[in-house]
C-alpha atoms as a PDB file:
ATOM      1  CA  MET A   1      66.501  82.632 -10.862  1.00  0.00           C
ATOM      2  CA  LYS A   2      65.186  83.473  -7.448  1.00  0.00           C
ATOM      3  CA  LYS A   3      62.958  86.151  -8.957  1.00  0.00           C
ATOM      4  CA  LEU A   4      61.602  83.672 -11.500  1.00  0.00           C
ATOM      5  CA  PHE A   5      60.817  81.063  -8.804  1.00  0.00           C
ATOM      6  CA  ALA A   6      59.092  83.707  -6.668  1.00  0.00           C
ATOM      7  CA  THR A   7      57.023  84.826  -9.627  1.00  0.00           C
ATOM      8  CA  VAL A   8      55.823  81.253 -10.467  1.00  0.00           C
ATOM      9  CA  ALA A   9      54.920  80.555  -6.843  1.00  0.00           C
ATOM     10  CA  SER A  10      52.929  83.754  -6.679  1.00  0.00           C
ATOM     11  CA  LEU A  11      50.973  82.773  -9.802  1.00  0.00           C
ATOM     12  CA  ILE A  12      50.172  79.292  -8.418  1.00  0.00           C
ATOM     13  CA  LEU A  13      48.961  80.777  -5.094  1.00  0.00           C
ATOM     14  CA  VAL A  14      46.766  83.334  -6.847  1.00  0.00           C
ATOM     15  CA  THR A  15      45.215  80.675  -9.107  1.00  0.00           C
ATOM     16  CA  THR A  16      44.403  78.374  -6.173  1.00  0.00           C
ATOM     17  CA  ILE A  17      42.702  81.142  -4.212  1.00  0.00           C
ATOM     18  CA  SER A  18      40.679  82.068  -7.280  1.00  0.00           C
ATOM     19  CA  PHE A  19      39.294  78.473  -7.768  1.00  0.00           C
ATOM     20  CA  ALA A  20      38.363  78.187  -4.108  1.00  0.00           C
ATOM     21  CA  GLN A  21      36.428  81.428  -4.249  1.00  0.00           C
ATOM     22  CA  ASP A  22      34.535  80.230  -7.378  1.00  0.00           C
ATOM     23  CA  ASP A  23      33.389  76.972  -5.637  1.00  0.00           C
ATOM     24  CA  ASN A  24      32.195  78.798  -2.549  1.00  0.00           C
ATOM     25  CA  TRP A  25      30.328  81.229  -4.724  1.00  0.00           C
ATOM     26  CA  ASP A  26      28.508  78.440  -6.628  1.00  0.00           C
ATOM     27  CA  ALA A  27      27.257  76.773  -3.434  1.00  0.00           C
ATOM     28  CA  THR A  28      26.382  80.057  -1.810  1.00  0.00           C
ATOM     29  CA  GLN A  29      24.739  81.388  -4.942  1.00  0.00           C
ATOM     30  CA  TYR A  30      22.654  78.124  -5.315  1.00  0.00           C
ATOM     31  CA  ALA A  31      21.467  78.355  -1.729  1.00  0.00           C
ATOM     32  CA  GLU A  32      20.537  81.989  -2.144  1.00  0.00           C
ATOM     33  CA  ASP A  33      18.678  81.252  -5.396  1.00  0.00           C
ATOM     34  CA  VAL A  34      16.677  78.434  -3.771  1.00  0.00           C
ATOM     35  CA  SER A  35      15.777  80.484  -0.729  1.00  0.00           C
ATOM     36  CA  ASP A  36      14.691  83.372  -2.941  1.00  0.00           C
ATOM     37  CA  ASN A  37      12.484  81.021  -5.128  1.00  0.00           C
ATOM     38  CA  PRO A  38       9.646  79.301  -3.108  1.00  0.00           C
ATOM     39  CA  GLU A  39       8.422  77.307  -6.100  1.00  0.00           C
ATOM     40  CA  ALA A  40      11.804  75.650  -6.503  1.00  0.00           C
ATOM     41  CA  THR A  41      11.804  74.758  -2.804  1.00  0.00           C
ATOM     42  CA  ALA A  42       8.382  73.098  -3.122  1.00  0.00           C
ATOM     43  CA  GLU A  43       9.486  71.082  -6.157  1.00  0.00           C
ATOM     44  CA  ILE A  44      12.486  69.792  -4.247  1.00  0.00           C
ATOM     45  CA  GLN A  45      10.307  68.787  -1.259  1.00  0.00           C
ATOM     46  CA  GLU A  46       7.731  67.037  -3.500  1.00  0.00           C
ATOM     47  CA  SER A  47      10.328  65.176  -5.525  1.00  0.00           C
ATOM     48  CA  ALA A  48      11.985  63.713  -2.439  1.00  0.00           C
ATOM     49  CA  PRO A  49       8.887  61.813  -1.060  1.00  0.00           C
ATOM     50  CA  ALA A  50       7.968  60.706  -4.566  1.00  0.00           C
ATOM     51  CA  GLU A  51      11.355  59.160  -5.018  1.00  0.00           C
ATOM     52  CA  SER A  52      11.075  57.537  -1.566  1.00  0.00           C
ATOM     53  CA  GLN A  53       7.595  56.139  -2.375  1.00  0.00           C
ATOM     54  CA  GLU A  54       8.834  54.749  -5.703  1.00  0.00           C
ATOM     55  CA  THR A  55      11.708  53.106  -3.859  1.00  0.00           C
ATOM     56  CA  THR A  56       9.266  51.536  -1.338  1.00  0.00           C
ATOM     57  CA  GLU A  57       6.966  50.266  -4.117  1.00  0.00           C
ATOM     58  CA  VAL A  58       9.903  48.732  -5.979  1.00  0.00           C
ATOM     59  CA  SER A  59      11.005  47.023  -2.742  1.00  0.00           C
ATOM     60  CA  GLN A  60       7.497  45.600  -2.057  1.00  0.00           C
ATOM     61  CA  SER A  61       7.157  44.466  -5.680  1.00  0.00           C
ATOM     62  CA  THR A  62      10.478  42.678  -5.400  1.00  0.00           C
ATOM     63  CA  GLU A  63       9.400  40.938  -2.168  1.00  0.00           C
ATOM     64  CA  GLU A  64       6.086  39.812  -3.690  1.00  0.00           C
ATOM     65  CA  LYS A  65       7.709  38.468  -6.827  1.00  0.00           C
ATOM     66  CA  ALA A  66      10.393  36.614  -4.923  1.00  0.00           C
ATOM     67  CA  PRO A  67       8.198  33.566  -3.975  1.00  0.00           C
ATOM     68  CA  ALA A  68       6.955  33.330  -7.537  1.00  0.00           C
ATOM     69  CA  LYS A  69      10.529  33.195  -8.696  1.00  0.00           C
ATOM     70  CA  GLU A  70      11.280  30.513  -6.136  1.00  0.00           C
ATOM     71  CA  ILE A  71       8.325  28.445  -7.430  1.00  0.00           C
ATOM     72  CA  ALA A  72       9.436  29.069 -10.991  1.00  0.00           C
ATOM     73  CA  ASP A  73      12.849  27.732 -10.048  1.00  0.00           C
ATOM     74  CA  VAL A  74      11.258  24.378  -9.008  1.00  0.00           C
ATOM     75  CA  PRO A  75      11.392  21.874 -11.899  1.00  0.00           C
ATOM     76  CA  ALA A  76       8.117  21.464 -13.779  1.00  0.00           C
ATOM     77  CA  SER A  77       8.181  17.693 -13.219  1.00  0.00           C
ATOM     78  CA  VAL A  78       8.231  18.179  -9.430  1.00  0.00           C
ATOM     79  CA  GLN A  79       5.362  20.685  -9.582  1.00  0.00           C
ATOM     80  CA  SER A  80       3.385  18.255 -11.761  1.00  0.00           C
ATOM     81  CA  GLU A  81       3.926  15.337  -9.375  1.00  0.00           C
ATOM     82  CA  GLU A  82       2.898  17.427  -6.356  1.00  0.00           C
ATOM     83  CA  SER A  83      -0.245  18.680  -8.062  1.00  0.00           C
ATOM     84  CA  VAL A  84      -1.165  15.151  -9.115  1.00  0.00           C
ATOM     85  CA  GLN A  85      -0.739  13.882  -5.550  1.00  0.00           C
ATOM     86  CA  GLU A  86      -2.910  16.696  -4.164  1.00  0.00           C
ATOM     87  CA  ASP A  87      -5.674  16.305  -6.761  1.00  0.00           C
ATOM     88  CA  TYR A  88      -5.684  12.486  -6.936  1.00  0.00           C
ATOM     89  CA  THR A  89      -8.419  10.689  -5.065  1.00  0.00           C
ATOM     90  CA  ALA A  90      -8.459   6.881  -5.136  1.00  0.00           C
ATOM     91  CA  PRO A  91     -11.679   5.667  -6.744  1.00  0.00           C
ATOM     92  CA  ALA A  92     -13.997   3.466  -4.664  1.00  0.00           C
ATOM     93  CA  LYS A  93     -13.624  -0.214  -5.415  1.00  0.00           C
ATOM     94  CA  LYS A  94     -16.551  -1.273  -7.528  1.00  0.00           C
ATOM     95  CA  GLU A  95     -18.111  -4.621  -6.763  1.00  0.00           C
ATOM     96  CA  SER A  96     -18.159  -7.032  -9.686  1.00  0.00           C
ATOM     97  CA  ARG A  97     -21.633  -7.861 -10.990  1.00  0.00           C
ATOM     98  CA  LEU A  98     -20.748 -11.520 -11.682  1.00  0.00           C
ATOM     99  CA  GLY A  99     -19.009 -13.760  -9.174  1.00  0.00           C
ATOM    100  CA  VAL A 100     -17.637 -17.309  -8.995  1.00  0.00           C
ATOM    101  CA  GLY A 101     -16.288 -19.044  -5.905  1.00  0.00           C
ATOM    102  CA  ILE A 102     -15.810 -22.300  -4.031  1.00  0.00           C
ATOM    103  CA  LYS A 103     -16.968 -23.449  -0.603  1.00  0.00           C
ATOM    104  CA  VAL A 104     -16.600 -26.260   1.901  1.00  0.00           C
ATOM    105  CA  ALA A 105     -18.722 -26.870   4.987  1.00  0.00           C
ATOM    106  CA  PHE A 106     -18.983 -29.181   7.959  1.00  0.00           C
ATOM    107  CA  ASP A 107     -22.548 -30.483   8.464  1.00  0.00           C
ATOM    108  CA  TYR A 108     -24.571 -31.794  11.354  1.00  0.00           C
ATOM    109  CA  GLY A 109     -27.820 -33.508  10.324  1.00  0.00           C
ATOM    110  CA  SER A 110     -30.873 -34.958  11.979  1.00  0.00           C
ATOM    111  CA  ILE A 111     -33.964 -36.727  10.655  1.00  0.00           C
ATOM    112  CA  TYR A 112     -37.062 -35.231  12.248  1.00  0.00           C
ATOM    113  CA  GLY A 113     -40.834 -35.268  11.817  1.00  0.00           C
ATOM    114  CA  PHE A 114     -41.736 -38.932  12.365  1.00  0.00           C
ATOM    115  CA  GLU A 115     -45.510 -39.226  12.502  1.00  0.00           C
ATOM    116  CA  GLU A 116     -45.506 -42.138  14.941  1.00  0.00           C
ATOM    117  CA  ASP A 117     -43.212 -42.392  17.953  1.00  0.00           C
ATOM    118  CA  ASP A 118     -41.906 -45.840  18.823  1.00  0.00           C
ATOM    119  CA  ASP A 119     -40.797 -46.485  22.376  1.00  0.00           C
ATOM    120  CA  ASP A 120     -38.224 -48.965  21.131  1.00  0.00           C
ATOM    121  CA  VAL A 121     -36.518 -46.348  18.939  1.00  0.00           C
ATOM    122  CA  ASP A 122     -33.600 -44.584  20.650  1.00  0.00           C
ATOM    123  CA  GLY A 123     -34.075 -40.998  19.434  1.00  0.00           C
ATOM    124  CA  ASN A 124     -34.116 -39.555  15.957  1.00  0.00           C
ATOM    125  CA  PRO A 125     -31.317 -40.459  13.543  1.00  0.00           C
ATOM    126  CA  SER A 126     -28.496 -37.867  13.695  1.00  0.00           C
ATOM    127  CA  GLY A 127     -24.930 -37.613  12.563  1.00  0.00           C
ATOM    128  CA  PHE A 128     -22.258 -35.664  10.657  1.00  0.00           C
ATOM    129  CA  GLY A 129     -21.310 -34.988   7.093  1.00  0.00           C
ATOM    130  CA  PHE A 130     -19.829 -32.406   4.768  1.00  0.00           C
ATOM    131  CA  ASP A 131     -20.468 -30.588   1.526  1.00  0.00           C
ATOM    132  CA  ALA A 132     -18.307 -28.803  -1.055  1.00  0.00           C
ATOM    133  CA  GLY A 133     -19.011 -27.101  -4.334  1.00  0.00           C
ATOM    134  CA  LEU A 134     -19.240 -24.024  -6.518  1.00  0.00           C
ATOM    135  CA  MET A 135     -20.912 -20.686  -5.834  1.00  0.00           C
ATOM    136  CA  PHE A 136     -22.210 -18.178  -8.346  1.00  0.00           C
ATOM    137  CA  LYS A 137     -23.357 -14.589  -7.915  1.00  0.00           C
ATOM    138  CA  LEU A 138     -25.337 -12.224 -10.102  1.00  0.00           C
ATOM    139  CA  GLN A 139     -25.604  -8.714  -8.662  1.00  0.00           C
ATOM    140  CA  LEU A 140     -29.185  -7.503  -9.163  1.00  0.00           C
ATOM    141  CA  VAL A 141     -29.000  -4.145  -7.387  1.00  0.00           C
ATOM    142  CA  GLN A 142     -26.576  -2.655  -4.904  1.00  0.00           C
ATOM    143  CA  ASN A 143     -26.069  -4.981  -1.904  1.00  0.00           C
ATOM    144  CA  PHE A 144     -28.537  -7.568  -3.286  1.00  0.00           C
ATOM    145  CA  ALA A 145     -27.666 -10.548  -5.469  1.00  0.00           C
ATOM    146  CA  PHE A 146     -28.901 -13.888  -6.771  1.00  0.00           C
ATOM    147  CA  ALA A 147     -26.463 -16.512  -5.437  1.00  0.00           C
ATOM    148  CA  PRO A 148     -27.120 -20.118  -6.544  1.00  0.00           C
ATOM    149  CA  GLU A 149     -24.807 -23.003  -5.665  1.00  0.00           C
ATOM    150  CA  ILE A 150     -24.015 -26.542  -6.802  1.00  0.00           C
ATOM    151  CA  ASN A 151     -22.671 -28.744  -3.990  1.00  0.00           C
ATOM    152  CA  PHE A 152     -21.774 -32.358  -3.446  1.00  0.00           C
ATOM    153  CA  ALA A 153     -22.992 -33.405   0.015  1.00  0.00           C
ATOM    154  CA  TYR A 154     -22.500 -36.510   2.148  1.00  0.00           C
ATOM    155  CA  MET A 155     -24.493 -37.265   5.301  1.00  0.00           C
ATOM    156  CA  LYS A 156     -24.675 -40.274   7.631  1.00  0.00           C
ATOM    157  CA  THR A 157     -27.209 -40.446  10.462  1.00  0.00           C
ATOM    158  CA  THR A 158     -27.667 -43.240  12.998  1.00  0.00           C
ATOM    159  CA  HIS A 159     -29.956 -44.345  15.825  1.00  0.00           C
ATOM    160  CA  GLU A 160     -30.896 -47.602  17.548  1.00  0.00           C
ATOM    161  CA  TYR A 161     -33.960 -49.831  17.433  1.00  0.00           C
ATOM    162  CA  LEU A 162     -34.217 -52.909  19.627  1.00  0.00           C
ATOM    163  CA  LYS A 163     -30.498 -52.650  20.379  1.00  0.00           C
ATOM    164  CA  ALA A 164     -29.669 -52.733  16.684  1.00  0.00           C
ATOM    165  CA  GLU A 165     -27.856 -49.776  15.141  1.00  0.00           C
ATOM    166  CA  ARG A 166     -29.504 -48.369  12.079  1.00  0.00           C
ATOM    167  CA  SER A 167     -27.557 -46.007   9.792  1.00  0.00           C
ATOM    168  CA  TYR A 168     -28.840 -43.992   6.849  1.00  0.00           C
ATOM    169  CA  THR A 169     -26.250 -42.749   4.378  1.00  0.00           C
ATOM    170  CA  ARG A 170     -27.069 -40.364   1.572  1.00  0.00           C
ATOM    171  CA  MET A 171     -25.084 -38.548  -1.133  1.00  0.00           C
ATOM    172  CA  ASP A 172     -26.771 -35.552  -2.735  1.00  0.00           C
ATOM    173  CA  LEU A 173     -26.271 -32.970  -5.424  1.00  0.00           C
ATOM    174  CA  GLU A 174     -27.504 -29.879  -3.614  1.00  0.00           C
ATOM    175  CA  ILE A 175     -28.832 -26.925  -5.609  1.00  0.00           C
ATOM    176  CA  PRO A 176     -29.595 -23.953  -3.334  1.00  0.00           C
ATOM    177  CA  LEU A 177     -31.236 -21.053  -5.205  1.00  0.00           C
ATOM    178  CA  LEU A 178     -30.454 -18.273  -2.794  1.00  0.00           C
ATOM    179  CA  VAL A 179     -30.747 -14.512  -2.672  1.00  0.00           C
ATOM    180  CA  ARG A 180     -27.994 -12.661  -0.846  1.00  0.00           C
ATOM    181  CA  GLY A 181     -28.227  -9.333   0.942  1.00  0.00           C
ATOM    182  CA  SER A 182     -24.989  -7.615   1.996  1.00  0.00           C
ATOM    183  CA  MET A 183     -24.181  -4.850   4.453  1.00  0.00           C
ATOM    184  CA  ASP A 184     -20.547  -3.858   5.037  1.00  0.00           C
ATOM    185  CA  ARG A 185     -18.733  -7.085   5.948  1.00  0.00           C
ATOM    186  CA  PHE A 186     -21.873  -9.096   6.729  1.00  0.00           C
ATOM    187  CA  TYR A 187     -24.468 -10.829   4.574  1.00  0.00           C
ATOM    188  CA  VAL A 188     -27.549 -13.024   4.877  1.00  0.00           C
ATOM    189  CA  THR A 189     -28.896 -15.649   2.474  1.00  0.00           C
ATOM    190  CA  PHE A 190     -32.299 -17.218   1.983  1.00  0.00           C
ATOM    191  CA  GLY A 191     -34.028 -19.365  -0.621  1.00  0.00           C
ATOM    192  CA  PRO A 192     -35.283 -22.765  -1.733  1.00  0.00           C
ATOM    193  CA  GLN A 193     -33.039 -25.796  -2.114  1.00  0.00           C
ATOM    194  CA  PHE A 194     -33.341 -28.957  -4.201  1.00  0.00           C
ATOM    195  CA  ASN A 195     -31.412 -32.130  -3.379  1.00  0.00           C
ATOM    196  CA  LEU A 196     -30.933 -34.841  -6.012  1.00  0.00           C
ATOM    197  CA  ASN A 197     -30.154 -38.277  -4.582  1.00  0.00           C
ATOM    198  CA  LEU A 198     -26.936 -39.630  -6.081  1.00  0.00           C
ATOM    199  CA  GLY A 199     -26.897 -42.703  -3.872  1.00  0.00           C
ATOM    200  CA  ASP A 200     -28.178 -43.942  -0.527  1.00  0.00           C
ATOM    201  CA  LYS A 201     -27.693 -46.891   1.731  1.00  0.00           C
ATOM    202  CA  THR A 202     -29.409 -48.167   4.853  1.00  0.00           C
ATOM    203  CA  LYS A 203     -27.533 -50.539   7.124  1.00  0.00           C
ATOM    204  CA  ILE A 204     -28.891 -52.402  10.144  1.00  0.00           C
ATOM    205  CA  SER A 205     -26.334 -54.036  12.408  1.00  0.00           C
ATOM    206  CA  GLY A 206     -27.093 -56.632  15.088  1.00  0.00           C
ATOM    207  CA  SER A 207     -30.618 -57.503  13.915  1.00  0.00           C
ATOM    208  CA  LYS A 208     -32.057 -60.672  12.421  1.00  0.00           C
ATOM    209  CA  TYR A 209     -33.905 -58.410   9.947  1.00  0.00           C
ATOM    210  CA  GLU A 210     -30.665 -57.047   8.465  1.00  0.00           C
ATOM    211  CA  LEU A 211     -30.928 -59.098   5.261  1.00  0.00           C
ATOM    212  CA  VAL A 212     -34.618 -58.745   4.601  1.00  0.00           C
ATOM    213  CA  GLU A 213     -35.470 -55.140   5.583  1.00  0.00           C
ATOM    214  CA  GLN A 214     -35.306 -52.763   2.593  1.00  0.00           C
ATOM    215  CA  ILE A 215     -35.364 -48.997   2.887  1.00  0.00           C
ATOM    216  CA  GLU A 216     -35.001 -46.646  -0.086  1.00  0.00           C
ATOM    217  CA  GLN A 217     -34.807 -42.880   0.117  1.00  0.00           C
ATOM    218  CA  SER A 218     -36.503 -40.373  -2.211  1.00  0.00           C
ATOM    219  CA  PHE A 219     -34.766 -39.183  -5.381  1.00  0.00           C
ATOM    220  CA  ILE A 220     -35.695 -35.515  -4.893  1.00  0.00           C
ATOM    221  CA  ASP A 221     -35.715 -33.690  -1.584  1.00  0.00           C
ATOM    222  CA  PHE A 222     -36.932 -30.099  -1.302  1.00  0.00           C
ATOM    223  CA  GLY A 223     -36.601 -27.559   1.493  1.00  0.00           C
ATOM    224  CA  ILE A 224     -35.673 -24.045   2.605  1.00  0.00           C
ATOM    225  CA  ALA A 225     -32.165 -22.767   3.362  1.00  0.00           C
ATOM    226  CA  ALA A 226     -31.203 -19.660   5.346  1.00  0.00           C
ATOM    227  CA  GLY A 227     -27.894 -18.424   6.647  1.00  0.00           C
ATOM    228  CA  ALA A 228     -25.497 -15.591   7.411  1.00  0.00           C
ATOM    229  CA  GLY A 229     -21.826 -14.878   6.974  1.00  0.00           C
ATOM    230  CA  VAL A 230     -18.984 -12.458   7.563  1.00  0.00           C
ATOM    231  CA  ASN A 231     -15.980 -11.379   5.514  1.00  0.00           C
ATOM    232  CA  ILE A 232     -12.790 -12.575   7.261  1.00  0.00           C
ATOM    233  CA  VAL A 233     -10.201 -11.209   4.825  1.00  0.00           C
ATOM    234  CA  ASP A 234     -10.338 -10.142   1.193  1.00  0.00           C
ATOM    235  CA  LYS A 235     -12.630 -12.577  -0.725  1.00  0.00           C
ATOM    236  CA  LEU A 236     -12.652 -15.130   2.145  1.00  0.00           C
ATOM    237  CA  TYR A 237     -15.880 -15.618   4.140  1.00  0.00           C
ATOM    238  CA  PHE A 238     -17.106 -17.662   7.068  1.00  0.00           C
ATOM    239  CA  ASP A 239     -20.797 -18.616   7.094  1.00  0.00           C
ATOM    240  CA  ILE A 240     -23.399 -20.688   8.885  1.00  0.00           C
ATOM    241  CA  ARG A 241     -26.570 -22.086   7.374  1.00  0.00           C
ATOM    242  CA  CYS A 242     -29.635 -24.117   8.217  1.00  0.00           C
ATOM    243  CA  TYR A 243     -31.508 -26.362   5.815  1.00  0.00           C
ATOM    244  CA  MET A 244     -34.968 -27.632   6.668  1.00  0.00           C
ATOM    245  CA  GLY A 245     -36.439 -30.311   4.426  1.00  0.00           C
ATOM    246  CA  LEU A 246     -40.127 -30.031   3.577  1.00  0.00           C
ATOM    247  CA  THR A 247     -40.592 -33.333   1.743  1.00  0.00           C
ATOM    248  CA  GLU A 248     -40.347 -36.882   3.099  1.00  0.00           C
ATOM    249  CA  LEU A 249     -37.113 -38.815   2.834  1.00  0.00           C
ATOM    250  CA  PHE A 250     -38.853 -42.228   2.733  1.00  0.00           C
ATOM    251  CA  PRO A 251     -42.160 -41.653   0.920  1.00  0.00           C
ATOM    252  CA  ASP A 252     -42.380 -45.155  -0.573  1.00  0.00           C
ATOM    253  CA  VAL A 253     -41.312 -47.168   2.474  1.00  0.00           C
ATOM    254  CA  THR A 254     -44.147 -49.142   4.084  1.00  0.00           C
ATOM    255  CA  TYR A 255     -44.324 -50.048   7.727  1.00  0.00           C
ATOM    256  CA  ILE A 256     -44.477 -53.707   8.699  1.00  0.00           C
ATOM    257  CA  GLY A 257     -47.579 -52.975  10.735  1.00  0.00           C
ATOM    258  CA  ASP A 258     -49.536 -51.668   7.712  1.00  0.00           C
ATOM    259  CA  PRO A 259     -52.188 -54.074   6.402  1.00  0.00           C
ATOM    260  CA  ASP A 260     -51.030 -53.653   2.798  1.00  0.00           C
ATOM    261  CA  VAL A 261     -47.285 -54.002   3.466  1.00  0.00           C
ATOM    262  CA  ASP A 262     -45.280 -55.697   0.707  1.00  0.00           C
ATOM    263  CA  MET A 263     -42.336 -57.362   2.377  1.00  0.00           C
ATOM    264  CA  THR A 264     -40.679 -58.104  -0.948  1.00  0.00           C
ATOM    265  CA  LYS A 265     -39.619 -54.499  -1.465  1.00  0.00           C
ATOM    266  CA  ASN A 266     -39.232 -51.208   0.366  1.00  0.00           C
ATOM    267  CA  TRP A 267     -40.429 -51.980   3.878  1.00  0.00           C
ATOM    268  CA  SER A 268     -39.195 -51.238   7.405  1.00  0.00           C
ATOM    269  CA  MET A 269     -39.558 -52.495  10.952  1.00  0.00           C
ATOM    270  CA  ILE A 270     -40.240 -48.946  12.144  1.00  0.00           C
ATOM    271  CA  ASP A 271     -42.658 -46.381  10.783  1.00  0.00           C
ATOM    272  CA  MET A 272     -40.650 -43.938   8.591  1.00  0.00           C
ATOM    273  CA  ALA A 273     -43.660 -41.832   7.553  1.00  0.00           C
ATOM    274  CA  GLY A 274     -43.166 -38.073   7.861  1.00  0.00           C
ATOM    275  CA  ALA A 275     -39.357 -38.259   8.251  1.00  0.00           C
ATOM    276  CA  LYS A 276     -37.525 -35.158   6.904  1.00  0.00           C
ATOM    277  CA  MET A 277     -33.955 -33.889   6.915  1.00  0.00           C
ATOM    278  CA  LEU A 278     -32.645 -31.016   9.037  1.00  0.00           C
ATOM    279  CA  LYS A 279     -29.060 -29.791   8.544  1.00  0.00           C
ATOM    280  CA  PHE A 280     -26.842 -27.199  10.229  1.00  0.00           C
ATOM    281  CA  LYS A 281     -23.737 -26.120   8.337  1.00  0.00           C
ATOM    282  CA  ALA A 282     -20.617 -24.120   9.132  1.00  0.00           C
ATOM    283  CA  GLY A 283     -18.014 -23.463   6.492  1.00  0.00           C
ATOM    284  CA  ILE A 284     -15.773 -21.111   4.557  1.00  0.00           C
ATOM    285  CA  SER A 285     -16.058 -19.774   1.039  1.00  0.00           C
ATOM    286  CA  TYR A 286     -13.689 -18.009  -1.316  1.00  0.00           C
ATOM    287  CA  TRP A 287     -14.675 -15.798  -4.269  1.00  0.00           C
ATOM    288  CA  PHE A 288     -12.330 -15.785  -7.268  1.00  0.00           C
ATOM    289  CA  ILE A 289     -14.358 -12.958  -8.861  1.00  0.00           C
END
């Protein structure tokens, strides 16, 4: 038994030594073959950098494609909304060619232009009133429009003659035919104006001639209007305007001192020849369109 065990152990030891010698020979033989073959050495050296360069290129390609992948991961709806926000530009608000609005104004009026001054007359008739109505606008070219109006106007002016108060009341349908030039928030207006007399009344208080003196005003009054305004807030404007009458308010009234006076109709104790209306207005307007 002992001989058998010794024989097996010897075989195992010899086999192990044999395998170890074969491995050492392979490595040593490979090294010797490479050193003896210069071409093989060069191929090994060239293949190593090539593999390193390919590894670097793959790494760079991966880094460059990474952001694209991140963008691709963003939902298409989000990308669409962001692109719309970047590309969208709000269009400029286009001014409407046709316009309709309303206006109200506070008026101060004075009758001027009397041909004959009377020392007994205490100044020219003056007083306050108002007007309100509709505005229209037709845009002709950029920043320039035709802007007519239709207004109801009330005016009462007073003065004194021989310590008697004389008041002249008039209600008109005003028709200004204006042109309007605009620049930013400001505008100016200018044009002719026609006034149609809807009713008038002359009252003389404290005079013995109160019941007999008759004064009638003209049916049509014509003049020139000019003004300016500014936009306060959206569609709301503040404006001022001046109206200067060019026709007489009392063309048919005769003066008591005239040789051909008819004291049965349309006559006055003072000379009304040449009298015209002058108005200053301040008001607000609002455009619906």
